[in-house]
Every structure is written in C-alpha cells, then in structure tokens.
PDB file of N, CA and C in Angstrom:
ATOM      1  N   MET A   1     100.680 272.658 162.239  1.00  0.00           N
ATOM      2  CA  MET A   1      99.308 272.813 162.668  1.00  0.00           C
ATOM      3  C   MET A   1      99.173 274.172 163.337  1.00  0.00           C
ATOM      4  N   ARG A   2      98.307 274.959 162.807  1.00  0.00           N
ATOM      5  CA  ARG A   2      98.108 276.302 163.333  1.00  0.00           C
ATOM      6  C   ARG A   2      96.791 276.367 164.085  1.00  0.00           C
ATOM      7  N   VAL A   3      96.802 277.122 165.139  1.00  0.00           N
ATOM      8  CA  VAL A   3      95.587 277.341 165.923  1.00  0.00           C
ATOM      9  C   VAL A   3      94.902 278.585 165.357  1.00  0.00           C
ATOM     10  N   PRO A   4      93.652 278.458 164.960  1.00  0.00           N
ATOM     11  CA  PRO A   4      92.989 279.638 164.405  1.00  0.00           C
ATOM     12  C   PRO A   4      92.754 280.693 165.489  1.00  0.00           C
ATOM     13  N   VAL A   5      92.941 281.926 165.103  1.00  0.00           N
ATOM     14  CA  VAL A   5      92.736 283.045 166.020  1.00  0.00           C
ATOM     15  C   VAL A   5      91.420 283.710 165.638  1.00  0.00           C
ATOM     16  N   THR A   6      90.506 283.727 166.579  1.00  0.00           N
ATOM     17  CA  THR A   6      89.227 284.406 166.331  1.00  0.00           C
ATOM     18  C   THR A   6      89.168 285.636 167.212  1.00  0.00           C
ATOM     19  N   ARG A   7      88.911 286.729 166.599  1.00  0.00           N
ATOM     20  CA  ARG A   7      88.841 287.991 167.333  1.00  0.00           C
ATOM     21  C   ARG A   7      87.439 288.158 167.919  1.00  0.00           C
ATOM     22  N   PRO A   8      87.371 288.694 169.108  1.00  0.00           N
ATOM     23  CA  PRO A   8      86.043 288.932 169.685  1.00  0.00           C
ATOM     24  C   PRO A   8      85.311 290.029 168.908  1.00  0.00           C
ATOM     25  N   LYS A   9      83.998 289.945 168.937  1.00  0.00           N
ATOM     26  CA  LYS A   9      83.196 290.940 168.216  1.00  0.00           C
ATOM     27  C   LYS A   9      83.276 292.310 168.879  1.00  0.00           C
ATOM     28  N   SER A  10      83.460 292.288 170.193  1.00  0.00           N
ATOM     29  CA  SER A  10      83.550 293.556 170.916  1.00  0.00           C
ATOM     30  C   SER A  10      84.358 293.352 172.190  1.00  0.00           C
ATOM     31  N   ILE A  11      84.710 294.436 172.818  1.00  0.00           N
ATOM     32  CA  ILE A  11      85.448 294.377 174.083  1.00  0.00           C
ATOM     33  C   ILE A  11      84.595 293.696 175.148  1.00  0.00           C
ATOM     34  N   GLU A  12      83.298 293.946 175.119  1.00  0.00           N
ATOM     35  CA  GLU A  12      82.410 293.345 176.114  1.00  0.00           C
ATOM     36  C   GLU A  12      82.399 291.824 175.988  1.00  0.00           C
ATOM     37  N   SER A  13      82.361 291.317 174.752  1.00  0.00           N
ATOM     38  CA  SER A  13      82.367 289.865 174.577  1.00  0.00           C
ATOM     39  C   SER A  13      83.701 289.267 175.016  1.00  0.00           C
ATOM     40  N   LEU A  14      84.801 289.992 174.848  1.00  0.00           N
ATOM     41  CA  LEU A  14      86.105 289.540 175.336  1.00  0.00           C
ATOM     42  C   LEU A  14      86.104 289.463 176.857  1.00  0.00           C
ATOM     43  N   GLU A  15      85.563 290.475 177.502  1.00  0.00           N
ATOM     44  CA  GLU A  15      85.503 290.471 178.964  1.00  0.00           C
ATOM     45  C   GLU A  15      84.639 289.329 179.474  1.00  0.00           C
ATOM     46  N   VAL A  16      83.534 289.060 178.800  1.00  0.00           N
ATOM     47  CA  VAL A  16      82.665 287.945 179.196  1.00  0.00           C
ATOM     48  C   VAL A  16      83.423 286.628 179.055  1.00  0.00           C
ATOM     49  N   ALA A  17      84.158 286.461 177.948  1.00  0.00           N
ATOM     50  CA  ALA A  17      84.917 285.234 177.729  1.00  0.00           C
ATOM     51  C   ALA A  17      86.007 285.057 178.780  1.00  0.00           C
ATOM     52  N   ILE A  18      86.675 286.148 179.134  1.00  0.00           N
ATOM     53  CA  ILE A  18      87.727 286.086 180.157  1.00  0.00           C
ATOM     54  C   ILE A  18      87.128 285.716 181.513  1.00  0.00           C
ATOM     55  N   HIS A  19      86.006 286.311 181.865  1.00  0.00           N
ATOM     56  CA  HIS A  19      85.365 285.985 183.146  1.00  0.00           C
ATOM     57  C   HIS A  19      84.884 284.533 183.162  1.00  0.00           C
ATOM     58  N   ARG A  20      84.351 284.068 182.047  1.00  0.00           N
ATOM     59  CA  ARG A  20      83.898 282.673 181.965  1.00  0.00           C
ATOM     60  C   ARG A  20      85.082 281.714 182.133  1.00  0.00           C
ATOM     61  N   LEU A  21      86.206 282.023 181.466  1.00  0.00           N
ATOM     62  CA  LEU A  21      87.399 281.190 181.579  1.00  0.00           C
ATOM     63  C   LEU A  21      87.942 281.208 183.007  1.00  0.00           C
ATOM     64  N   ALA A  22      87.946 282.365 183.635  1.00  0.00           N
ATOM     65  CA  ALA A  22      88.414 282.469 185.025  1.00  0.00           C
ATOM     66  C   ALA A  22      87.517 281.653 185.952  1.00  0.00           C
ATOM     67  N   ASP A  23      86.208 281.675 185.710  1.00  0.00           N
ATOM     68  CA  ASP A  23      85.290 280.884 186.530  1.00  0.00           C
ATOM     69  C   ASP A  23      85.511 279.392 186.320  1.00  0.00           C
ATOM     70  N   GLU A  24      85.726 278.978 185.064  1.00  0.00           N
ATOM     71  CA  GLU A  24      85.950 277.552 184.769  1.00  0.00           C
ATOM     72  C   GLU A  24      87.233 277.047 185.432  1.00  0.00           C
ATOM     73  N   ARG A  25      88.244 277.871 185.432  1.00  0.00           N
ATOM     74  CA  ARG A  25      89.528 277.474 186.018  1.00  0.00           C
ATOM     75  C   ARG A  25      89.607 277.786 187.514  1.00  0.00           C
ATOM     76  N   ARG A  26      88.594 278.448 188.033  1.00  0.00           N
ATOM     77  CA  ARG A  26      88.534 278.825 189.447  1.00  0.00           C
ATOM     78  C   ARG A  26      89.759 279.627 189.862  1.00  0.00           C
ATOM     79  N   ARG A  27      90.045 280.641 189.061  1.00  0.00           N
ATOM     80  CA  ARG A  27      91.177 281.521 189.319  1.00  0.00           C
ATOM     81  C   ARG A  27      90.702 282.964 189.252  1.00  0.00           C
ATOM     82  N   ALA A  28      91.411 283.804 189.970  1.00  0.00           N
ATOM     83  CA  ALA A  28      91.152 285.235 189.852  1.00  0.00           C
ATOM     84  C   ALA A  28      91.736 285.709 188.524  1.00  0.00           C
ATOM     85  N   ILE A  29      91.154 286.743 187.991  1.00  0.00           N
ATOM     86  CA  ILE A  29      91.585 287.223 186.676  1.00  0.00           C
ATOM     87  C   ILE A  29      93.074 287.578 186.627  1.00  0.00           C
ATOM     88  N   PRO A  30      93.647 288.222 187.672  1.00  0.00           N
ATOM     89  CA  PRO A  30      95.096 288.500 187.600  1.00  0.00           C
ATOM     90  C   PRO A  30      95.955 287.231 187.552  1.00  0.00           C
ATOM     91  N   LEU A  31      95.448 286.121 188.095  1.00  0.00           N
ATOM     92  CA  LEU A  31      96.206 284.864 188.098  1.00  0.00           C
ATOM     93  C   LEU A  31      95.887 283.975 186.906  1.00  0.00           C
ATOM     94  N   LEU A  32      94.955 284.386 186.082  1.00  0.00           N
ATOM     95  CA  LEU A  32      94.484 283.540 184.985  1.00  0.00           C
ATOM     96  C   LEU A  32      95.576 283.251 183.962  1.00  0.00           C
ATOM     97  N   PHE A  33      96.309 284.265 183.551  1.00  0.00           N
ATOM     98  CA  PHE A  33      97.315 284.059 182.525  1.00  0.00           C
ATOM     99  C   PHE A  33      98.468 283.201 183.029  1.00  0.00           C
ATOM    100  N   ASP A  34      98.818 283.329 184.302  1.00  0.00           N
ATOM    101  CA  ASP A  34      99.849 282.449 184.870  1.00  0.00           C
ATOM    102  C   ASP A  34      99.377 281.003 184.852  1.00  0.00           C
ATOM    103  N   ASN A  35      98.107 280.785 185.171  1.00  0.00           N
ATOM    104  CA  ASN A  35      97.540 279.440 185.150  1.00  0.00           C
ATOM    105  C   ASN A  35      97.527 278.863 183.735  1.00  0.00           C
ATOM    106  N   ILE A  36      97.174 279.688 182.760  1.00  0.00           N
ATOM    107  CA  ILE A  36      97.168 279.234 181.360  1.00  0.00           C
ATOM    108  C   ILE A  36      98.587 278.896 180.917  1.00  0.00           C
ATOM    109  N   GLU A  37      99.540 279.724 181.284  1.00  0.00           N
ATOM    110  CA  GLU A  37     100.936 279.469 180.921  1.00  0.00           C
ATOM    111  C   GLU A  37     101.437 278.169 181.546  1.00  0.00           C
ATOM    112  N   GLN A  38     101.087 277.914 182.792  1.00  0.00           N
ATOM    113  CA  GLN A  38     101.477 276.680 183.469  1.00  0.00           C
ATOM    114  C   GLN A  38     100.854 275.473 182.770  1.00  0.00           C
ATOM    115  N   ASP A  39      99.600 275.594 182.391  1.00  0.00           N
ATOM    116  CA  ASP A  39      98.907 274.519 181.683  1.00  0.00           C
ATOM    117  C   ASP A  39      99.578 274.223 180.342  1.00  0.00           C
ATOM    118  N   ILE A  40      99.940 275.263 179.617  1.00  0.00           N
ATOM    119  CA  ILE A  40     100.609 275.096 178.330  1.00  0.00           C
ATOM    120  C   ILE A  40     101.971 274.431 178.508  1.00  0.00           C
ATOM    121  N   THR A  41     102.710 274.824 179.546  1.00  0.00           N
ATOM    122  CA  THR A  41     104.018 274.229 179.814  1.00  0.00           C
ATOM    123  C   THR A  41     103.889 272.735 180.107  1.00  0.00           C
ATOM    124  N   GLN A  42     102.894 272.350 180.902  1.00  0.00           N
ATOM    125  CA  GLN A  42     102.681 270.933 181.207  1.00  0.00           C
ATOM    126  C   GLN A  42     102.338 270.145 179.946  1.00  0.00           C
ATOM    127  N   LYS A  43     101.490 270.692 179.115  1.00  0.00           N
ATOM    128  CA  LYS A  43     101.096 270.004 177.884  1.00  0.00           C
ATOM    129  C   LYS A  43     102.270 269.904 176.908  1.00  0.00           C
ATOM    130  N   GLU A  44     103.101 270.945 176.878  1.00  0.00           N
ATOM    131  CA  GLU A  44     104.282 270.917 176.019  1.00  0.00           C
ATOM    132  C   GLU A  44     105.250 269.820 176.476  1.00  0.00           C
ATOM    133  N   GLN A  45     105.451 269.693 177.779  1.00  0.00           N
ATOM    134  CA  GLN A  45     106.327 268.647 178.311  1.00  0.00           C
ATOM    135  C   GLN A  45     105.782 267.263 177.956  1.00  0.00           C
ATOM    136  N   PHE A  46     104.476 267.089 178.027  1.00  0.00           N
ATOM    137  CA  PHE A  46     103.861 265.812 177.665  1.00  0.00           C
ATOM    138  C   PHE A  46     104.122 265.500 176.196  1.00  0.00           C
ATOM    139  N   VAL A  47     103.934 266.480 175.324  1.00  0.00           N
ATOM    140  CA  VAL A  47     104.127 266.262 173.885  1.00  0.00           C
ATOM    141  C   VAL A  47     105.593 265.950 173.588  1.00  0.00           C
ATOM    142  N   VAL A  48     106.509 266.659 174.216  1.00  0.00           N
ATOM    143  CA  VAL A  48     107.934 266.398 174.015  1.00  0.00           C
ATOM    144  C   VAL A  48     108.275 264.971 174.460  1.00  0.00           C
ATOM    145  N   GLY A  49     107.718 264.545 175.584  1.00  0.00           N
ATOM    146  CA  GLY A  49     107.933 263.171 176.046  1.00  0.00           C
ATOM    147  C   GLY A  49     107.376 262.145 175.074  1.00  0.00           C
ATOM    148  N   GLN A  50     106.212 262.430 174.511  1.00  0.00           N
ATOM    149  CA  GLN A  50     105.616 261.512 173.538  1.00  0.00           C
ATOM    150  C   GLN A  50     106.464 261.432 172.270  1.00  0.00           C
ATOM    151  N   VAL A  51     106.993 262.554 171.830  1.00  0.00           N
ATOM    152  CA  VAL A  51     107.847 262.561 170.635  1.00  0.00           C
ATOM    153  C   VAL A  51     109.098 261.717 170.896  1.00  0.00           C
ATOM    154  N   LYS A  52     109.689 261.865 172.069  1.00  0.00           N
ATOM    155  CA  LYS A  52     110.882 261.086 172.416  1.00  0.00           C
ATOM    156  C   LYS A  52     110.560 259.591 172.440  1.00  0.00           C
ATOM    157  N   THR A  53     109.429 259.235 173.024  1.00  0.00           N
ATOM    158  CA  THR A  53     109.017 257.831 173.076  1.00  0.00           C
ATOM    159  C   THR A  53     108.808 257.276 171.677  1.00  0.00           C
ATOM    160  N   ILE A  54     108.173 258.035 170.809  1.00  0.00           N
ATOM    161  CA  ILE A  54     107.934 257.592 169.434  1.00  0.00           C
ATOM    162  C   ILE A  54     109.258 257.406 168.701  1.00  0.00           C
ATOM    163  N   GLN A  55     110.199 258.318 168.888  1.00  0.00           N
ATOM    164  CA  GLN A  55     111.505 258.191 168.242  1.00  0.00           C
ATOM    165  C   GLN A  55     112.244 256.948 168.724  1.00  0.00           C
ATOM    166  N   GLU A  56     112.165 256.658 170.025  1.00  0.00           N
ATOM    167  CA  GLU A  56     112.806 255.459 170.566  1.00  0.00           C
ATOM    168  C   GLU A  56     112.152 254.200 170.012  1.00  0.00           C
ATOM    169  N   MET A  57     110.827 254.218 169.890  1.00  0.00           N
ATOM    170  CA  MET A  57     110.125 253.067 169.333  1.00  0.00           C
ATOM    171  C   MET A  57     110.500 252.861 167.865  1.00  0.00           C
ATOM    172  N   GLN A  58     110.616 253.952 167.098  1.00  0.00           N
ATOM    173  CA  GLN A  58     110.998 253.848 165.693  1.00  0.00           C
ATOM    174  C   GLN A  58     112.410 253.291 165.556  1.00  0.00           C
ATOM    175  N   ALA A  59     113.316 253.727 166.427  1.00  0.00           N
ATOM    176  CA  ALA A  59     114.683 253.204 166.408  1.00  0.00           C
ATOM    177  C   ALA A  59     114.680 251.707 166.721  1.00  0.00           C
ATOM    178  N   GLY A  60     113.857 251.289 167.669  1.00  0.00           N
ATOM    179  CA  GLY A  60     113.749 249.870 167.990  1.00  0.00           C
ATOM    180  C   GLY A  60     113.195 249.060 166.833  1.00  0.00           C
ATOM    181  N   ILE A  61     112.205 249.597 166.142  1.00  0.00           N
ATOM    182  CA  ILE A  61     111.642 248.915 164.973  1.00  0.00           C
ATOM    183  C   ILE A  61     112.700 248.780 163.885  1.00  0.00           C
ATOM    184  N   ASN A  62     113.456 249.849 163.643  1.00  0.00           N
ATOM    185  CA  ASN A  62     114.516 249.801 162.633  1.00  0.00           C
ATOM    186  C   ASN A  62     115.575 248.760 162.990  1.00  0.00           C
ATOM    187  N   LYS A  63     115.914 248.682 164.279  1.00  0.00           N
ATOM    188  CA  LYS A  63     116.912 247.712 164.727  1.00  0.00           C
ATOM    189  C   LYS A  63     116.401 246.285 164.506  1.00  0.00           C
ATOM    190  N   LEU A  64     115.130 246.045 164.819  1.00  0.00           N
ATOM    191  CA  LEU A  64     114.562 244.714 164.602  1.00  0.00           C
ATOM    192  C   LEU A  64     114.488 244.362 163.116  1.00  0.00           C
ATOM    193  N   ALA A  65     114.174 245.344 162.275  1.00  0.00           N
ATOM    194  CA  ALA A  65     114.136 245.092 160.830  1.00  0.00           C
ATOM    195  C   ALA A  65     115.533 244.738 160.322  1.00  0.00           C
ATOM    196  N   ASP A  66     116.546 245.447 160.788  1.00  0.00           N
ATOM    197  CA  ASP A  66     117.931 245.125 160.400  1.00  0.00           C
ATOM    198  C   ASP A  66     118.319 243.737 160.884  1.00  0.00           C
ATOM    199  N   TYR A  67     117.940 243.397 162.093  1.00  0.00           N
ATOM    200  CA  TYR A  67     118.242 242.082 162.666  1.00  0.00           C
ATOM    201  C   TYR A  67     117.589 240.979 161.836  1.00  0.00           C
ATOM    202  N   CYS A  68     116.352 241.200 161.430  1.00  0.00           N
ATOM    203  CA  CYS A  68     115.641 240.230 160.596  1.00  0.00           C
ATOM    204  C   CYS A  68     116.353 240.049 159.262  1.00  0.00           C
ATOM    205  N   TRP A  69     116.800 241.164 158.664  1.00  0.00           N
ATOM    206  CA  TRP A  69     117.501 241.080 157.391  1.00  0.00           C
ATOM    207  C   TRP A  69     118.796 240.288 157.548  1.00  0.00           C
ATOM    208  N   VAL A  70     119.550 240.531 158.618  1.00  0.00           N
ATOM    209  CA  VAL A  70     120.812 239.819 158.854  1.00  0.00           C
ATOM    210  C   VAL A  70     120.556 238.324 159.033  1.00  0.00           C
ATOM    211  N   LEU A  71     119.531 237.977 159.795  1.00  0.00           N
ATOM    212  CA  LEU A  71     119.233 236.559 159.995  1.00  0.00           C
ATOM    213  C   LEU A  71     118.838 235.880 158.682  1.00  0.00           C
ATOM    214  N   THR A  72     118.071 236.553 157.854  1.00  0.00           N
ATOM    215  CA  THR A  72     117.691 236.002 156.554  1.00  0.00           C
ATOM    216  C   THR A  72     118.926 235.799 155.682  1.00  0.00           C
ATOM    217  N   PHE A  73     119.801 236.795 155.660  1.00  0.00           N
ATOM    218  CA  PHE A  73     121.026 236.703 154.864  1.00  0.00           C
ATOM    219  C   PHE A  73     121.902 235.547 155.341  1.00  0.00           C
ATOM    220  N   VAL A  74     122.081 235.424 156.640  1.00  0.00           N
ATOM    221  CA  VAL A  74     122.915 234.348 157.197  1.00  0.00           C
ATOM    222  C   VAL A  74     122.294 232.984 156.884  1.00  0.00           C
ATOM    223  N   GLY A  75     120.971 232.907 156.971  1.00  0.00           N
ATOM    224  CA  GLY A  75     120.301 231.653 156.635  1.00  0.00           C
ATOM    225  C   GLY A  75     120.523 231.257 155.190  1.00  0.00           C
ATOM    226  N   ARG A  76     120.443 232.218 154.277  1.00  0.00           N
ATOM    227  CA  ARG A  76     120.695 231.910 152.862  1.00  0.00           C
ATOM    228  C   ARG A  76     122.133 231.480 152.628  1.00  0.00           C
ATOM    229  N   GLN A  77     123.056 232.171 153.280  1.00  0.00           N
ATOM    230  CA  GLN A  77     124.464 231.809 153.121  1.00  0.00           C
ATOM    231  C   GLN A  77     124.735 230.416 153.680  1.00  0.00           C
ATOM    232  N   ALA A  78     124.121 230.090 154.796  1.00  0.00           N
ATOM    233  CA  ALA A  78     124.300 228.759 155.370  1.00  0.00           C
ATOM    234  C   ALA A  78     123.756 227.698 154.429  1.00  0.00           C
ATOM    235  N   ASN A  79     122.612 227.962 153.806  1.00  0.00           N
ATOM    236  CA  ASN A  79     122.062 227.001 152.844  1.00  0.00           C
ATOM    237  C   ASN A  79     122.970 226.862 151.630  1.00  0.00           C
ATOM    238  N   ASN A  80     123.537 227.965 151.157  1.00  0.00           N
ATOM    239  CA  ASN A  80     124.452 227.912 150.009  1.00  0.00           C
ATOM    240  C   ASN A  80     125.699 227.114 150.348  1.00  0.00           C
ATOM    241  N   LEU A  81     126.254 227.326 151.532  1.00  0.00           N
ATOM    242  CA  LEU A  81     127.443 226.574 151.937  1.00  0.00           C
ATOM    243  C   LEU A  81     127.120 225.094 152.110  1.00  0.00           C
ATOM    244  N   SER A  82     125.954 224.817 152.626  1.00  0.00           N
ATOM    245  CA  SER A  82     125.541 223.432 152.803  1.00  0.00           C
ATOM    246  C   SER A  82     125.384 222.746 151.450  1.00  0.00           C
ATOM    247  N   ALA A  83     124.780 223.436 150.496  1.00  0.00           N
ATOM    248  CA  ALA A  83     124.605 222.878 149.160  1.00  0.00           C
ATOM    249  C   ALA A  83     125.956 222.693 148.479  1.00  0.00           C
ATOM    250  N   LEU A  84     126.879 223.617 148.683  1.00  0.00           N
ATOM    251  CA  LEU A  84     128.211 223.516 148.110  1.00  0.00           C
ATOM    252  C   LEU A  84     128.939 222.302 148.677  1.00  0.00           C
ATOM    253  N   GLY A  85     128.822 222.094 149.971  1.00  0.00           N
ATOM    254  CA  GLY A  85     129.466 220.944 150.603  1.00  0.00           C
ATOM    255  C   GLY A  85     128.882 219.636 150.103  1.00  0.00           C
ATOM    256  N   SER A  86     127.594 219.568 149.869  1.00  0.00           N
ATOM    257  CA  SER A  86     126.959 218.363 149.366  1.00  0.00           C
ATOM    258  C   SER A  86     127.401 218.091 147.938  1.00  0.00           C
ATOM    259  N   ALA A  87     127.535 219.140 147.154  1.00  0.00           N
ATOM    260  CA  ALA A  87     127.922 218.981 145.753  1.00  0.00           C
ATOM    261  C   ALA A  87     129.356 218.503 145.631  1.00  0.00           C
ATOM    262  N   MET A  88     130.206 218.860 146.565  1.00  0.00           N
ATOM    263  CA  MET A  88     131.609 218.474 146.489  1.00  0.00           C
ATOM    264  C   MET A  88     131.835 217.061 147.020  1.00  0.00           C
ATOM    265  N   GLY A  89     130.845 216.493 147.668  1.00  0.00           N
ATOM    266  CA  GLY A  89     131.009 215.131 148.177  1.00  0.00           C
ATOM    267  C   GLY A  89     131.731 215.117 149.501  1.00  0.00           C
ATOM    268  N   GLN A  90     132.391 214.019 149.779  1.00  0.00           N
ATOM    269  CA  GLN A  90     133.042 213.854 151.080  1.00  0.00           C
ATOM    270  C   GLN A  90     134.235 214.785 151.267  1.00  0.00           C
ATOM    271  N   GLY A  91     134.917 215.113 150.235  1.00  0.00           N
ATOM    272  CA  GLY A  91     136.108 215.952 150.358  1.00  0.00           C
ATOM    273  C   GLY A  91     135.786 217.394 150.696  1.00  0.00           C
ATOM    274  N   GLY A  92     134.562 217.852 150.472  1.00  0.00           N
ATOM    275  CA  GLY A  92     134.216 219.252 150.685  1.00  0.00           C
ATOM    276  C   GLY A  92     133.735 219.555 152.091  1.00  0.00           C
ATOM    277  N   GLU A  93     133.718 218.592 152.959  1.00  0.00           N
ATOM    278  CA  GLU A  93     133.207 218.838 154.295  1.00  0.00           C
ATOM    279  C   GLU A  93     134.130 219.720 155.128  1.00  0.00           C
ATOM    280  N   ASP A  94     135.392 219.813 154.741  1.00  0.00           N
ATOM    281  CA  ASP A  94     136.318 220.695 155.447  1.00  0.00           C
ATOM    282  C   ASP A  94     135.991 222.167 155.199  1.00  0.00           C
ATOM    283  N   ILE A  95     135.370 222.433 154.036  1.00  0.00           N
ATOM    284  CA  ILE A  95     135.053 223.822 153.682  1.00  0.00           C
ATOM    285  C   ILE A  95     133.901 224.339 154.538  1.00  0.00           C
ATOM    286  N   VAL A  96     132.915 223.495 154.824  1.00  0.00           N
ATOM    287  CA  VAL A  96     131.737 223.918 155.555  1.00  0.00           C
ATOM    288  C   VAL A  96     132.050 223.932 157.050  1.00  0.00           C
ATOM    289  N   GLN A  97     132.160 225.142 157.608  1.00  0.00           N
ATOM    290  CA  GLN A  97     132.453 225.316 159.019  1.00  0.00           C
ATOM    291  C   GLN A  97     131.232 225.977 159.682  1.00  0.00           C
ATOM    292  N   PRO A  98     130.988 225.705 160.940  1.00  0.00           N
ATOM    293  CA  PRO A  98     129.891 226.400 161.604  1.00  0.00           C
ATOM    294  C   PRO A  98     130.158 227.910 161.618  1.00  0.00           C
ATOM    295  N   LEU A  99     129.081 228.699 161.505  1.00  0.00           N
ATOM    296  CA  LEU A  99     129.216 230.134 161.483  1.00  0.00           C
ATOM    297  C   LEU A  99     129.545 230.691 162.857  1.00  0.00           C
ATOM    298  N   ILE A 100     129.119 230.020 163.887  1.00  0.00           N
ATOM    299  CA  ILE A 100     129.366 230.513 165.243  1.00  0.00           C
ATOM    300  C   ILE A 100     130.161 229.493 166.024  1.00  0.00           C
TER     301      ILE A 100
END
C-alpha cells in the first residue's frame, strides 16, 4: 500500500499547509516534524502489535484445526476397532484395547 504524494502548487500553499498542521497539532513549526515522527512511531508500534496478535491467532486456529482432525481420525479408528471386535465374536475382545 503506497501513500500518494501530492506536490503543493506553490511554496506559499506549502507554507499555509505547514502552518495549518502546526496549529492543528498545537506545536511550533520547529517542533512539528519531531511530533510527526513520534506519531508515526506510535502508529508503527500499534501495527506491529496487531500483526503479532493476528499471527498468534492464526497459529491457534491452525492448532485447533489439527486437533479436530486428530479427534476425527481417532474416532474413526475406534469405530473400526469396535466393528472388528464385534465381527470376531467373543474371541476378538482381547484385540480391542482402550486407546488411553
């Protein structure tokens, strides 16, 4: 994402824009750029924190999806073993052991 750069029509319009920005931020013109830099740093830290949070949430979602897949697989295997034990009759009950 790129920020469009618009050039001022004249030096006078640039000076007016700078004075307006200084008034909005309630800063003297020599301190204006330091204030803008501080603001950008704070916003950058916020975005970096949000990216980290999103990555952690995605990792958690992936872990839950894997857990769901494992539980489904174990459930199918348990049903297969149960069906195998039933098919073998009384002698096959030794084969079917609890998974845990």
